[in-house]
Amino acid sequence: ENEISGSKEKLKQNFDLSCEHFAYPFGDYSGRDMKYVKKAGYKSARTTDPGLNSSCSDRYQLKVIAMMPDNASKNMLCAQLSGLPLFFEYFFVRVKDRIKRLLEWFSKHGANINI
């Protein structure tokens, strides 16, 4: 607990920097760590869990967009930073799941659809 709140205070004292957001070291965190981060007054905390965030996301369990290896091109880096690859992955997984459920529904109700 002291390490989490103390690091915020040290940044303020040594560099006159206000630190409002926290990143869990190495992505390791638990409910206890989240409680300490909230108690220290941080507005949010970032994990290393891959995924998208929305307005409904827990501010103390923010996900990240996984980046390509270091040898990727600048264009790939820009694409990754835009979030488009993750969006398309999410979109197509949802579409595939919905199509599967529709086909199951049609099959259950006597329709014979082959794709």
Protein backbone atom coordinates (compact mmCIF):
# COMPACT_ATOMS: atom_id res chain seq x y z
CA GLU A 1 0.00 0.00 0.00
CA ASN A 2 2.82 2.41 0.93
CA GLU A 3 4.63 1.63 -2.31
CA ILE A 4 1.58 2.58 -4.39
CA SER A 5 0.76 5.80 -2.55
CA GLY A 6 4.42 6.61 -1.87
CA SER A 7 5.41 6.53 -5.54
CA LYS A 8 2.72 9.10 -6.32
CA GLU A 9 4.00 11.38 -3.55
CA LYS A 10 7.64 11.00 -4.65
CA LEU A 11 6.83 12.06 -8.21
CA LYS A 12 5.10 15.15 -6.88
CA GLN A 13 7.93 16.03 -4.50
CA ASN A 14 10.92 15.26 -6.72
CA PHE A 15 9.65 16.39 -10.12
CA ASP A 16 6.59 18.52 -9.34
CA LEU A 17 4.52 16.09 -11.40
CA SER A 18 0.91 15.26 -10.70
CA CYS A 19 0.26 11.56 -11.28
CA GLU A 20 -3.41 10.69 -11.72
CA HIS A 21 -3.22 7.30 -13.43
CA PHE A 22 -1.48 4.08 -12.43
CA ALA A 23 0.01 1.17 -14.40
CA TYR A 24 0.27 -2.15 -12.55
CA PRO A 25 3.93 -3.26 -12.60
CA PHE A 26 4.29 -6.16 -15.06
CA GLY A 27 0.48 -6.23 -15.25
CA ASP A 28 0.23 -8.07 -11.94
CA TYR A 29 -2.72 -6.93 -9.86
CA SER A 30 -5.39 -8.22 -7.52
CA GLY A 31 -8.44 -6.86 -5.78
CA ARG A 32 -6.17 -5.76 -2.95
CA ASP A 33 -3.96 -3.78 -5.35
CA MET A 34 -7.01 -2.15 -6.92
CA LYS A 35 -8.21 -1.09 -3.46
CA TYR A 36 -4.81 0.50 -2.69
CA VAL A 37 -4.74 2.31 -6.05
CA LYS A 38 -8.21 3.75 -5.42
CA LYS A 39 -7.27 4.71 -1.85
CA ALA A 40 -4.14 6.52 -3.11
CA GLY A 41 -6.39 8.73 -5.24
CA TYR A 42 -5.55 7.50 -8.73
CA LYS A 43 -8.31 8.07 -11.30
CA SER A 44 -7.61 4.87 -13.25
CA ALA A 45 -5.20 1.96 -13.58
CA ARG A 46 -3.93 0.07 -16.62
CA THR A 47 -3.42 -3.67 -16.79
CA THR A 48 -1.64 -5.72 -19.47
CA ASP A 49 -4.87 -7.62 -20.22
CA PRO A 50 -5.59 -7.37 -23.95
CA GLY A 51 -8.88 -5.93 -25.13
CA LEU A 52 -11.00 -2.87 -25.70
CA ASN A 53 -12.34 -0.44 -23.14
CA SER A 54 -15.67 1.34 -23.12
CA SER A 55 -17.45 3.80 -20.87
CA CYS A 56 -18.64 0.73 -18.91
CA SER A 57 -15.11 -0.59 -18.30
CA ASP A 58 -13.78 -0.68 -14.77
CA ARG A 59 -11.42 2.32 -14.57
CA TYR A 60 -9.05 0.29 -12.41
CA GLN A 61 -8.83 -2.64 -14.85
CA LEU A 62 -8.25 -0.87 -18.16
CA LYS A 63 -7.17 -3.19 -20.95
CA VAL A 64 -4.52 -2.58 -23.61
CA ILE A 65 -4.22 -3.15 -27.32
CA ALA A 66 -1.53 -5.73 -28.03
CA MET A 67 1.23 -4.42 -30.29
CA MET A 68 3.02 -6.20 -33.09
CA PRO A 69 6.65 -7.34 -32.69
CA ASP A 70 9.36 -4.67 -32.77
CA ASN A 71 10.22 -5.44 -36.38
CA ALA A 72 6.78 -4.41 -37.68
CA SER A 73 6.49 -1.59 -40.18
CA LYS A 74 5.45 1.96 -39.33
CA ASN A 75 2.20 1.33 -41.19
CA MET A 76 1.45 -1.69 -38.99
CA LEU A 77 2.27 0.33 -35.90
CA CYS A 78 -0.14 3.06 -37.00
CA ALA A 79 -2.82 0.46 -37.72
CA GLN A 80 -2.31 -1.11 -34.29
CA LEU A 81 -2.47 2.27 -32.55
CA SER A 82 -5.71 3.09 -34.36
CA GLY A 83 -7.33 0.01 -32.81
CA LEU A 84 -8.65 -1.19 -36.18
CA PRO A 85 -7.16 -4.71 -36.09
CA LEU A 86 -8.66 -5.37 -32.67
CA PHE A 87 -11.97 -3.82 -33.73
CA PHE A 88 -12.14 -6.08 -36.81
CA GLU A 89 -11.22 -9.13 -34.76
CA TYR A 90 -13.95 -8.29 -32.25
CA PHE A 91 -16.47 -7.48 -35.00
CA PHE A 92 -15.88 -10.67 -36.98
CA VAL A 93 -15.98 -12.87 -33.88
CA ARG A 94 -19.37 -11.35 -32.99
CA VAL A 95 -20.67 -11.69 -36.55
CA LYS A 96 -19.51 -15.31 -36.73
CA ASP A 97 -21.21 -16.04 -33.39
CA ARG A 98 -24.48 -14.42 -34.52
CA ILE A 99 -24.48 -16.29 -37.82
CA LYS A 100 -23.89 -19.54 -35.97
CA ARG A 101 -26.85 -18.81 -33.65
CA LEU A 102 -29.06 -17.90 -36.63
CA LEU A 103 -28.18 -21.12 -38.43
CA GLU A 104 -28.90 -23.10 -35.26
CA TRP A 105 -32.28 -21.34 -34.93
CA PHE A 106 -33.21 -22.05 -38.57
CA SER A 107 -32.11 -25.66 -38.21
CA LYS A 108 -34.17 -26.03 -35.05
CA HIS A 109 -37.23 -24.67 -36.88
CA GLY A 110 -36.93 -27.00 -39.86
CA ALA A 111 -35.02 -24.86 -42.36
CA ASN A 112 -32.16 -26.57 -44.21
CA ILE A 113 -29.47 -23.94 -44.94
CA ASN A 114 -26.03 -24.94 -46.18
CA ILE A 115 -23.18 -22.47 -46.44
